[in-house]
Amino acid sequence: MKIDLNPLFSGMKKEIMFEEIISFQEKDLKNTSIKGLDKVKINGNITKISEESVNLKMDIKSSMTLEDSITLEEIEYPVNIQFNRIIDNNEEDEVKFTTVCCSI
């Protein structure tokens, strides 16, 4: 997912909202303990804090199928992650934010 932040810094928008659904194929889960993964739903927003930083908030929801290590039965495991990160364009270890790229 790529999100253009130019509207924030040009003053056209105060907030950028986004929604994305990501699907994974069986080959993506190969060599993991995950037996299945429902579509991953991402809802979020980005707001400008200063000329050099933005705040990225995301809610990530899905459901994984895992294998119980004792019974070997498949177990559904809900995934619900709240992500809140300030991205500063001056930090060397951070992604520069002309566009924000998120991958799971």
PDB file of N, CA and C in Angstrom:
ATOM      1  N   MET A   1       0.846  -1.154   0.000  1.00  0.00           N
ATOM      2  CA  MET A   1       0.000   0.000   0.000  1.00  0.00           C
ATOM      3  C   MET A   1       0.903   1.232   0.000  1.00  0.00           C
ATOM      4  N   LYS A   2       0.624   2.152  -0.881  1.00  0.00           N
ATOM      5  CA  LYS A   2       1.347   3.416  -0.917  1.00  0.00           C
ATOM      6  C   LYS A   2       0.348   4.545  -0.757  1.00  0.00           C
ATOM      7  N   ILE A   3       0.726   5.508   0.070  1.00  0.00           N
ATOM      8  CA  ILE A   3      -0.152   6.642   0.340  1.00  0.00           C
ATOM      9  C   ILE A   3       0.633   7.921   0.089  1.00  0.00           C
ATOM     10  N   ASP A   4       0.108   8.756  -0.788  1.00  0.00           N
ATOM     11  CA  ASP A   4       0.749  10.026  -1.116  1.00  0.00           C
ATOM     12  C   ASP A   4       0.452  11.042  -0.011  1.00  0.00           C
ATOM     13  N   LEU A   5       1.491  11.577   0.610  1.00  0.00           N
ATOM     14  CA  LEU A   5       1.332  12.529   1.699  1.00  0.00           C
ATOM     15  C   LEU A   5       1.371  13.984   1.252  1.00  0.00           C
ATOM     16  N   ASN A   6       1.558  14.225  -0.023  1.00  0.00           N
ATOM     17  CA  ASN A   6       1.619  15.605  -0.511  1.00  0.00           C
ATOM     18  C   ASN A   6       0.390  16.431  -0.143  1.00  0.00           C
ATOM     19  N   PRO A   7      -0.845  15.878  -0.183  1.00  0.00           N
ATOM     20  CA  PRO A   7      -2.003  16.688   0.215  1.00  0.00           C
ATOM     21  C   PRO A   7      -1.935  17.186   1.666  1.00  0.00           C
ATOM     22  N   LEU A   8      -1.288  16.423   2.549  1.00  0.00           N
ATOM     23  CA  LEU A   8      -1.125  16.874   3.937  1.00  0.00           C
ATOM     24  C   LEU A   8      -0.197  18.076   4.024  1.00  0.00           C
ATOM     25  N   PHE A   9       0.931  17.979   3.344  1.00  0.00           N
ATOM     26  CA  PHE A   9       1.943  19.015   3.464  1.00  0.00           C
ATOM     27  C   PHE A   9       1.655  20.242   2.606  1.00  0.00           C
ATOM     28  N   SER A  10       0.771  20.096   1.641  1.00  0.00           N
ATOM     29  CA  SER A  10       0.378  21.258   0.845  1.00  0.00           C
ATOM     30  C   SER A  10      -0.788  22.007   1.497  1.00  0.00           C
ATOM     31  N   GLY A  11      -1.369  21.419   2.553  1.00  0.00           N
ATOM     32  CA  GLY A  11      -2.491  22.052   3.243  1.00  0.00           C
ATOM     33  C   GLY A  11      -3.847  21.723   2.650  1.00  0.00           C
ATOM     34  N   MET A  12      -3.883  20.880   1.609  1.00  0.00           N
ATOM     35  CA  MET A  12      -5.158  20.524   0.989  1.00  0.00           C
ATOM     36  C   MET A  12      -6.020  19.661   1.912  1.00  0.00           C
ATOM     37  N   LYS A  13      -5.362  18.843   2.758  1.00  0.00           N
ATOM     38  CA  LYS A  13      -6.076  17.963   3.685  1.00  0.00           C
ATOM     39  C   LYS A  13      -5.433  18.043   5.059  1.00  0.00           C
ATOM     40  N   LYS A  14      -6.268  17.858   6.090  1.00  0.00           N
ATOM     41  CA  LYS A  14      -5.749  17.802   7.458  1.00  0.00           C
ATOM     42  C   LYS A  14      -5.490  16.362   7.878  1.00  0.00           C
ATOM     43  N   GLU A  15      -6.141  15.437   7.159  1.00  0.00           N
ATOM     44  CA  GLU A  15      -6.034  14.028   7.507  1.00  0.00           C
ATOM     45  C   GLU A  15      -6.230  13.193   6.247  1.00  0.00           C
ATOM     46  N   ILE A  16      -5.492  12.107   6.156  1.00  0.00           N
ATOM     47  CA  ILE A  16      -5.677  11.151   5.073  1.00  0.00           C
ATOM     48  C   ILE A  16      -6.158   9.857   5.707  1.00  0.00           C
ATOM     49  N   MET A  17      -7.334   9.412   5.298  1.00  0.00           N
ATOM     50  CA  MET A  17      -7.878   8.154   5.804  1.00  0.00           C
ATOM     51  C   MET A  17      -7.708   7.093   4.728  1.00  0.00           C
ATOM     52  N   PHE A  18      -7.509   5.850   5.164  1.00  0.00           N
ATOM     53  CA  PHE A  18      -7.345   4.768   4.204  1.00  0.00           C
ATOM     54  C   PHE A  18      -7.941   3.474   4.745  1.00  0.00           C
ATOM     55  N   GLU A  19      -8.286   2.611   3.804  1.00  0.00           N
ATOM     56  CA  GLU A  19      -8.843   1.294   4.108  1.00  0.00           C
ATOM     57  C   GLU A  19      -8.297   0.328   3.067  1.00  0.00           C
ATOM     58  N   GLU A  20      -7.837  -0.798   3.530  1.00  0.00           N
ATOM     59  CA  GLU A  20      -7.232  -1.768   2.613  1.00  0.00           C
ATOM     60  C   GLU A  20      -7.543  -3.177   3.106  1.00  0.00           C
ATOM     61  N   ILE A  21      -7.747  -4.087   2.190  1.00  0.00           N
ATOM     62  CA  ILE A  21      -7.900  -5.504   2.515  1.00  0.00           C
ATOM     63  C   ILE A  21      -6.804  -6.249   1.778  1.00  0.00           C
ATOM     64  N   ILE A  22      -6.030  -7.022   2.526  1.00  0.00           N
ATOM     65  CA  ILE A  22      -4.904  -7.750   1.951  1.00  0.00           C
ATOM     66  C   ILE A  22      -5.165  -9.244   2.092  1.00  0.00           C
ATOM     67  N   SER A  23      -5.005  -9.971   1.006  1.00  0.00           N
ATOM     68  CA  SER A  23      -5.161 -11.419   1.012  1.00  0.00           C
ATOM     69  C   SER A  23      -3.800 -12.077   0.867  1.00  0.00           C
ATOM     70  N   PHE A  24      -3.641 -13.191   1.554  1.00  0.00           N
ATOM     71  CA  PHE A  24      -2.402 -13.952   1.461  1.00  0.00           C
ATOM     72  C   PHE A  24      -2.689 -15.298   0.819  1.00  0.00           C
ATOM     73  N   GLN A  25      -1.767 -15.743   0.004  1.00  0.00           N
ATOM     74  CA  GLN A  25      -1.897 -17.038  -0.625  1.00  0.00           C
ATOM     75  C   GLN A  25      -1.206 -18.094   0.230  1.00  0.00           C
ATOM     76  N   GLU A  26      -1.501 -19.340  -0.064  1.00  0.00           N
ATOM     77  CA  GLU A  26      -0.914 -20.446   0.680  1.00  0.00           C
ATOM     78  C   GLU A  26       0.615 -20.401   0.646  1.00  0.00           C
ATOM     79  N   LYS A  27       1.174 -20.012  -0.481  1.00  0.00           N
ATOM     80  CA  LYS A  27       2.638 -19.952  -0.605  1.00  0.00           C
ATOM     81  C   LYS A  27       3.251 -18.904   0.324  1.00  0.00           C
ATOM     82  N   ASP A  28       2.475 -17.853   0.667  1.00  0.00           N
ATOM     83  CA  ASP A  28       2.965 -16.818   1.581  1.00  0.00           C
ATOM     84  C   ASP A  28       3.130 -17.350   3.005  1.00  0.00           C
ATOM     85  N   LEU A  29       2.395 -18.406   3.337  1.00  0.00           N
ATOM     86  CA  LEU A  29       2.421 -18.967   4.685  1.00  0.00           C
ATOM     87  C   LEU A  29       3.352 -20.173   4.796  1.00  0.00           C
ATOM     88  N   LYS A  30       3.963 -20.546   3.698  1.00  0.00           N
ATOM     89  CA  LYS A  30       4.872 -21.689   3.686  1.00  0.00           C
ATOM     90  C   LYS A  30       6.012 -21.452   4.674  1.00  0.00           C
ATOM     91  N   ASN A  31       6.421 -22.490   5.353  1.00  0.00           N
ATOM     92  CA  ASN A  31       7.497 -22.451   6.354  1.00  0.00           C
ATOM     93  C   ASN A  31       7.143 -21.589   7.565  1.00  0.00           C
ATOM     94  N   THR A  32       5.847 -21.453   7.857  1.00  0.00           N
ATOM     95  CA  THR A  32       5.398 -20.780   9.077  1.00  0.00           C
ATOM     96  C   THR A  32       4.490 -21.738   9.841  1.00  0.00           C
ATOM     97  N   SER A  33       4.156 -21.387  11.055  1.00  0.00           N
ATOM     98  CA  SER A  33       3.227 -22.204  11.842  1.00  0.00           C
ATOM     99  C   SER A  33       1.774 -21.819  11.576  1.00  0.00           C
ATOM    100  N   ILE A  34       1.554 -20.874  10.674  1.00  0.00           N
ATOM    101  CA  ILE A  34       0.205 -20.425  10.337  1.00  0.00           C
ATOM    102  C   ILE A  34      -0.374 -21.355   9.279  1.00  0.00           C
ATOM    103  N   LYS A  35      -1.511 -21.966   9.600  1.00  0.00           N
ATOM    104  CA  LYS A  35      -2.173 -22.887   8.666  1.00  0.00           C
ATOM    105  C   LYS A  35      -3.138 -22.160   7.736  1.00  0.00           C
ATOM    106  N   GLY A  36      -3.640 -21.031   8.170  1.00  0.00           N
ATOM    107  CA  GLY A  36      -4.554 -20.240   7.357  1.00  0.00           C
ATOM    108  C   GLY A  36      -4.614 -18.821   7.882  1.00  0.00           C
ATOM    109  N   LEU A  37      -4.928 -17.897   6.988  1.00  0.00           N
ATOM    110  CA  LEU A  37      -5.025 -16.491   7.371  1.00  0.00           C
ATOM    111  C   LEU A  37      -6.141 -15.846   6.559  1.00  0.00           C
ATOM    112  N   ASP A  38      -7.165 -15.368   7.290  1.00  0.00           N
ATOM    113  CA  ASP A  38      -8.257 -14.662   6.620  1.00  0.00           C
ATOM    114  C   ASP A  38      -7.733 -13.356   6.029  1.00  0.00           C
ATOM    115  N   LYS A  39      -8.567 -12.721   5.245  1.00  0.00           N
ATOM    116  CA  LYS A  39      -8.206 -11.413   4.698  1.00  0.00           C
ATOM    117  C   LYS A  39      -7.866 -10.467   5.844  1.00  0.00           C
ATOM    118  N   VAL A  40      -6.785  -9.716   5.662  1.00  0.00           N
ATOM    119  CA  VAL A  40      -6.342  -8.762   6.666  1.00  0.00           C
ATOM    120  C   VAL A  40      -6.958  -7.410   6.329  1.00  0.00           C
ATOM    121  N   LYS A  41      -7.734  -6.869   7.275  1.00  0.00           N
ATOM    122  CA  LYS A  41      -8.412  -5.591   7.065  1.00  0.00           C
ATOM    123  C   LYS A  41      -7.647  -4.503   7.801  1.00  0.00           C
ATOM    124  N   ILE A  42      -7.279  -3.457   7.063  1.00  0.00           N
ATOM    125  CA  ILE A  42      -6.522  -2.347   7.632  1.00  0.00           C
ATOM    126  C   ILE A  42      -7.325  -1.061   7.457  1.00  0.00           C
ATOM    127  N   ASN A  43      -7.584  -0.382   8.555  1.00  0.00           N
ATOM    128  CA  ASN A  43      -8.211   0.941   8.543  1.00  0.00           C
ATOM    129  C   ASN A  43      -7.273   1.884   9.266  1.00  0.00           C
ATOM    130  N   GLY A  44      -7.085   3.062   8.728  1.00  0.00           N
ATOM    131  CA  GLY A  44      -6.174   3.974   9.403  1.00  0.00           C
ATOM    132  C   GLY A  44      -6.286   5.393   8.924  1.00  0.00           C
ATOM    133  N   ASN A  45      -5.459   6.237   9.555  1.00  0.00           N
ATOM    134  CA  ASN A  45      -5.383   7.628   9.147  1.00  0.00           C
ATOM    135  C   ASN A  45      -3.980   8.154   9.412  1.00  0.00           C
ATOM    136  N   ILE A  46      -3.663   9.206   8.675  1.00  0.00           N
ATOM    137  CA  ILE A  46      -2.375   9.876   8.819  1.00  0.00           C
ATOM    138  C   ILE A  46      -2.664  11.362   9.005  1.00  0.00           C
ATOM    139  N   THR A  47      -2.064  11.945  10.047  1.00  0.00           N
ATOM    140  CA  THR A  47      -2.221  13.374  10.284  1.00  0.00           C
ATOM    141  C   THR A  47      -0.842  14.021  10.374  1.00  0.00           C
ATOM    142  N   LYS A  48      -0.786  15.255   9.944  1.00  0.00           N
ATOM    143  CA  LYS A  48       0.460  16.020   9.988  1.00  0.00           C
ATOM    144  C   LYS A  48       0.632  16.587  11.387  1.00  0.00           C
ATOM    145  N   ILE A  49       1.806  16.371  11.967  1.00  0.00           N
ATOM    146  CA  ILE A  49       2.123  16.923  13.285  1.00  0.00           C
ATOM    147  C   ILE A  49       2.938  18.198  13.120  1.00  0.00           C
ATOM    148  N   SER A  50       3.908  18.148  12.221  1.00  0.00           N
ATOM    149  CA  SER A  50       4.763  19.303  11.951  1.00  0.00           C
ATOM    150  C   SER A  50       5.230  19.204  10.502  1.00  0.00           C
ATOM    151  N   GLU A  51       6.081  20.112  10.092  1.00  0.00           N
ATOM    152  CA  GLU A  51       6.622  20.057   8.730  1.00  0.00           C
ATOM    153  C   GLU A  51       7.524  18.844   8.527  1.00  0.00           C
ATOM    154  N   GLU A  52       7.944  18.216   9.615  1.00  0.00           N
ATOM    155  CA  GLU A  52       8.877  17.098   9.527  1.00  0.00           C
ATOM    156  C   GLU A  52       8.323  15.785  10.057  1.00  0.00           C
ATOM    157  N   SER A  53       7.069  15.740  10.525  1.00  0.00           N
ATOM    158  CA  SER A  53       6.569  14.493  11.093  1.00  0.00           C
ATOM    159  C   SER A  53       5.068  14.307  10.869  1.00  0.00           C
ATOM    160  N   VAL A  54       4.686  13.028  10.829  1.00  0.00           N
ATOM    161  CA  VAL A  54       3.283  12.643  10.688  1.00  0.00           C
ATOM    162  C   VAL A  54       2.968  11.580  11.739  1.00  0.00           C
ATOM    163  N   ASN A  55       1.689  11.459  12.057  1.00  0.00           N
ATOM    164  CA  ASN A  55       1.233  10.419  12.961  1.00  0.00           C
ATOM    165  C   ASN A  55       0.441   9.406  12.146  1.00  0.00           C
ATOM    166  N   LEU A  56       0.845   8.151  12.208  1.00  0.00           N
ATOM    167  CA  LEU A  56       0.204   7.064  11.477  1.00  0.00           C
ATOM    168  C   LEU A  56      -0.521   6.177  12.481  1.00  0.00           C
ATOM    169  N   LYS A  57      -1.842   6.047  12.324  1.00  0.00           N
ATOM    170  CA  LYS A  57      -2.650   5.178  13.179  1.00  0.00           C
ATOM    171  C   LYS A  57      -3.323   4.147  12.295  1.00  0.00           C
ATOM    172  N   MET A  58      -3.272   2.868  12.741  1.00  0.00           N
ATOM    173  CA  MET A  58      -3.914   1.803  11.986  1.00  0.00           C
ATOM    174  C   MET A  58      -4.561   0.805  12.933  1.00  0.00           C
ATOM    175  N   ASP A  59      -5.689   0.265  12.506  1.00  0.00           N
ATOM    176  CA  ASP A  59      -6.311  -0.893  13.142  1.00  0.00           C
ATOM    177  C   ASP A  59      -6.195  -2.032  12.146  1.00  0.00           C
ATOM    178  N   ILE A  60      -5.606  -3.128  12.580  1.00  0.00           N
ATOM    179  CA  ILE A  60      -5.373  -4.277  11.713  1.00  0.00           C
ATOM    180  C   ILE A  60      -6.132  -5.454  12.308  1.00  0.00           C
ATOM    181  N   LYS A  61      -7.024  -6.053  11.513  1.00  0.00           N
ATOM    182  CA  LYS A  61      -7.855  -7.159  12.012  1.00  0.00           C
ATOM    183  C   LYS A  61      -7.840  -8.319  11.038  1.00  0.00           C
ATOM    184  N   SER A  62      -7.815  -9.519  11.610  1.00  0.00           N
ATOM    185  CA  SER A  62      -7.885 -10.730  10.814  1.00  0.00           C
ATOM    186  C   SER A  62      -8.119 -11.907  11.754  1.00  0.00           C
ATOM    187  N   SER A  63      -7.976 -13.096  11.221  1.00  0.00           N
ATOM    188  CA  SER A  63      -8.061 -14.321  12.012  1.00  0.00           C
ATOM    189  C   SER A  63      -7.093 -15.329  11.407  1.00  0.00           C
ATOM    190  N   MET A  64      -6.288 -15.948  12.272  1.00  0.00           N
ATOM    191  CA  MET A  64      -5.324 -16.956  11.823  1.00  0.00           C
ATOM    192  C   MET A  64      -5.798 -18.339  12.265  1.00  0.00           C
ATOM    193  N   THR A  65      -5.440 -19.324  11.485  1.00  0.00           N
ATOM    194  CA  THR A  65      -5.646 -20.706  11.886  1.00  0.00           C
ATOM    195  C   THR A  65      -4.281 -21.273  12.247  1.00  0.00           C
ATOM    196  N   LEU A  66      -4.158 -21.710  13.501  1.00  0.00           N
ATOM    197  CA  LEU A  66      -2.916 -22.282  13.995  1.00  0.00           C
ATOM    198  C   LEU A  66      -3.166 -23.727  14.403  1.00  0.00           C
ATOM    199  N   GLU A  67      -2.101 -24.479  14.582  1.00  0.00           N
ATOM    200  CA  GLU A  67      -2.214 -25.866  14.997  1.00  0.00           C
ATOM    201  C   GLU A  67      -1.812 -25.979  16.461  1.00  0.00           C
ATOM    202  N   ASP A  68      -2.694 -26.578  17.277  1.00  0.00           N
ATOM    203  CA  ASP A  68      -2.387 -26.809  18.685  1.00  0.00           C
ATOM    204  C   ASP A  68      -1.198 -27.763  18.766  1.00  0.00           C
ATOM    205  N   SER A  69      -0.188 -27.403  19.553  1.00  0.00           N
ATOM    206  CA  SER A  69       1.043 -28.199  19.604  1.00  0.00           C
ATOM    207  C   SER A  69       0.863 -29.534  20.315  1.00  0.00           C
ATOM    208  N   ILE A  70      -0.200 -29.683  21.115  1.00  0.00           N
ATOM    209  CA  ILE A  70      -0.419 -30.951  21.814  1.00  0.00           C
ATOM    210  C   ILE A  70      -1.413 -31.829  21.061  1.00  0.00           C
ATOM    211  N   THR A  71      -2.579 -31.278  20.734  1.00  0.00           N
ATOM    212  CA  THR A  71      -3.640 -32.078  20.101  1.00  0.00           C
ATOM    213  C   THR A  71      -3.563 -32.070  18.578  1.00  0.00           C
ATOM    214  N   LEU A  72      -2.798 -31.148  18.035  1.00  0.00           N
ATOM    215  CA  LEU A  72      -2.684 -30.941  16.582  1.00  0.00           C
ATOM    216  C   LEU A  72      -3.993 -30.507  15.930  1.00  0.00           C
ATOM    217  N   GLU A  73      -4.952 -30.103  16.760  1.00  0.00           N
ATOM    218  CA  GLU A  73      -6.206 -29.572  16.231  1.00  0.00           C
ATOM    219  C   GLU A  73      -5.982 -28.140  15.758  1.00  0.00           C
ATOM    220  N   GLU A  74      -6.763 -27.752  14.750  1.00  0.00           N
ATOM    221  CA  GLU A  74      -6.677 -26.381  14.259  1.00  0.00           C
ATOM    222  C   GLU A  74      -7.443 -25.455  15.194  1.00  0.00           C
ATOM    223  N   ILE A  75      -6.836 -24.315  15.486  1.00  0.00           N
ATOM    224  CA  ILE A  75      -7.413 -23.342  16.401  1.00  0.00           C
ATOM    225  C   ILE A  75      -7.491 -21.997  15.685  1.00  0.00           C
ATOM    226  N   GLU A  76      -8.646 -21.338  15.795  1.00  0.00           N
ATOM    227  CA  GLU A  76      -8.793 -19.990  15.241  1.00  0.00           C
ATOM    228  C   GLU A  76      -8.245 -18.993  16.257  1.00  0.00           C
ATOM    229  N   TYR A  77      -7.385 -18.096  15.802  1.00  0.00           N
ATOM    230  CA  TYR A  77      -6.764 -17.107  16.669  1.00  0.00           C
ATOM    231  C   TYR A  77      -7.053 -15.723  16.099  1.00  0.00           C
ATOM    232  N   PRO A  78      -7.868 -14.927  16.810  1.00  0.00           N
ATOM    233  CA  PRO A  78      -8.180 -13.588  16.293  1.00  0.00           C
ATOM    234  C   PRO A  78      -6.968 -12.658  16.374  1.00  0.00           C
ATOM    235  N   VAL A  79      -6.836 -11.806  15.370  1.00  0.00           N
ATOM    236  CA  VAL A  79      -5.761 -10.811  15.330  1.00  0.00           C
ATOM    237  C   VAL A  79      -6.408  -9.441  15.361  1.00  0.00           C
ATOM    238  N   ASN A  80      -6.003  -8.617  16.327  1.00  0.00           N
ATOM    239  CA  ASN A  80      -6.521  -7.263  16.439  1.00  0.00           C
ATOM    240  C   ASN A  80      -5.374  -6.387  16.939  1.00  0.00           C
ATOM    241  N   ILE A  81      -4.781  -5.618  16.050  1.00  0.00           N
ATOM    242  CA  ILE A  81      -3.607  -4.812  16.374  1.00  0.00           C
ATOM    243  C   ILE A  81      -3.946  -3.337  16.187  1.00  0.00           C
ATOM    244  N   GLN A  82      -3.666  -2.545  17.221  1.00  0.00           N
ATOM    245  CA  GLN A  82      -3.767  -1.092  17.098  1.00  0.00           C
ATOM    246  C   GLN A  82      -2.338  -0.567  16.983  1.00  0.00           C
ATOM    247  N   PHE A  83      -2.088   0.165  15.924  1.00  0.00           N
ATOM    248  CA  PHE A  83      -0.755   0.666  15.608  1.00  0.00           C
ATOM    249  C   PHE A  83      -0.795   2.183  15.620  1.00  0.00           C
ATOM    250  N   ASN A  84       0.109   2.807  16.367  1.00  0.00           N
ATOM    251  CA  ASN A  84       0.185   4.259  16.426  1.00  0.00           C
ATOM    252  C   ASN A  84       1.663   4.635  16.404  1.00  0.00           C
ATOM    253  N   ARG A  85       2.093   5.306  15.350  1.00  0.00           N
ATOM    254  CA  ARG A  85       3.517   5.593  15.183  1.00  0.00           C
ATOM    255  C   ARG A  85       3.715   7.003  14.653  1.00  0.00           C
ATOM    256  N   ILE A  86       4.615   7.743  15.270  1.00  0.00           N
ATOM    257  CA  ILE A  86       5.027   9.032  14.745  1.00  0.00           C
ATOM    258  C   ILE A  86       6.237   8.786  13.858  1.00  0.00           C
ATOM    259  N   ILE A  87       6.138   9.227  12.615  1.00  0.00           N
ATOM    260  CA  ILE A  87       7.227   9.064  11.656  1.00  0.00           C
ATOM    261  C   ILE A  87       7.855  10.434  11.444  1.00  0.00           C
ATOM    262  N   ASP A  88       9.128  10.513  11.767  1.00  0.00           N
ATOM    263  CA  ASP A  88       9.873  11.771  11.661  1.00  0.00           C
ATOM    264  C   ASP A  88      10.784  11.683  10.454  1.00  0.00           C
ATOM    265  N   ASN A  89      10.668  12.607   9.541  1.00  0.00           N
ATOM    266  CA  ASN A  89      11.460  12.594   8.312  1.00  0.00           C
ATOM    267  C   ASN A  89      12.948  12.808   8.569  1.00  0.00           C
ATOM    268  N   ASN A  90      13.309  13.295   9.748  1.00  0.00           N
ATOM    269  CA  ASN A  90      14.715  13.547  10.058  1.00  0.00           C
ATOM    270  C   ASN A  90      15.437  12.332  10.618  1.00  0.00           C
ATOM    271  N   GLU A  91      14.707  11.314  11.075  1.00  0.00           N
ATOM    272  CA  GLU A  91      15.351  10.142  11.649  1.00  0.00           C
ATOM    273  C   GLU A  91      15.923   9.268  10.546  1.00  0.00           C
ATOM    274  N   GLU A  92      17.191   8.900  10.689  1.00  0.00           N
ATOM    275  CA  GLU A  92      17.874   8.140   9.648  1.00  0.00           C
ATOM    276  C   GLU A  92      17.338   6.730   9.495  1.00  0.00           C
ATOM    277  N   ASP A  93      16.844   6.132  10.578  1.00  0.00           N
ATOM    278  CA  ASP A  93      16.383   4.760  10.507  1.00  0.00           C
ATOM    279  C   ASP A  93      14.925   4.627  10.087  1.00  0.00           C
ATOM    280  N   GLU A  94      14.270   5.726   9.810  1.00  0.00           N
ATOM    281  CA  GLU A  94      12.873   5.698   9.406  1.00  0.00           C
ATOM    282  C   GLU A  94      12.738   5.851   7.891  1.00  0.00           C
ATOM    283  N   VAL A  95      11.622   5.366   7.384  1.00  0.00           N
ATOM    284  CA  VAL A  95      11.293   5.534   5.972  1.00  0.00           C
ATOM    285  C   VAL A  95      11.005   7.012   5.729  1.00  0.00           C
ATOM    286  N   LYS A  96      11.599   7.588   4.715  1.00  0.00           N
ATOM    287  CA  LYS A  96      11.264   8.970   4.355  1.00  0.00           C
ATOM    288  C   LYS A  96       9.815   9.002   3.916  1.00  0.00           C
ATOM    289  N   PHE A  97       9.100  10.059   4.256  1.00  0.00           N
ATOM    290  CA  PHE A  97       7.657   9.996   4.075  1.00  0.00           C
ATOM    291  C   PHE A  97       7.094  10.775   2.905  1.00  0.00           C
ATOM    292  N   THR A  98       7.773  10.804   1.801  1.00  0.00           N
ATOM    293  CA  THR A  98       7.118  11.307   0.599  1.00  0.00           C
ATOM    294  C   THR A  98       5.918  10.409   0.296  1.00  0.00           C
ATOM    295  N   THR A  99       6.120   9.102   0.449  1.00  0.00           N
ATOM    296  CA  THR A  99       5.008   8.154   0.472  1.00  0.00           C
ATOM    297  C   THR A  99       5.254   7.224   1.637  1.00  0.00           C
ATOM    298  N   VAL A 100       4.182   6.759   2.239  1.00  0.00           N
ATOM    299  CA  VAL A 100       4.292   5.804   3.341  1.00  0.00           C
ATOM    300  C   VAL A 100       3.951   4.439   2.769  1.00  0.00           C
ATOM    301  N   CYS A 101       4.799   3.469   3.032  1.00  0.00           N
ATOM    302  CA  CYS A 101       4.562   2.114   2.546  1.00  0.00           C
ATOM    303  C   CYS A 101       4.360   1.194   3.750  1.00  0.00           C
ATOM    304  N   CYS A 102       3.319   0.448   3.716  1.00  0.00           N
ATOM    305  CA  CYS A 102       3.046  -0.476   4.811  1.00  0.00           C
ATOM    306  C   CYS A 102       2.898  -1.868   4.223  1.00  0.00           C
ATOM    307  N   SER A 103       3.551  -2.833   4.812  1.00  0.00           N
ATOM    308  CA  SER A 103       3.347  -4.209   4.384  1.00  0.00           C
ATOM    309  C   SER A 103       3.310  -5.103   5.605  1.00  0.00           C
ATOM    310  N   ILE A 104       2.549  -6.146   5.480  1.00  0.00           N
ATOM    311  CA  ILE A 104       2.393  -7.085   6.588  1.00  0.00           C
ATOM    312  C   ILE A 104       3.012  -8.398   6.192  1.00  0.00           C
TER     313      ILE A 104
END
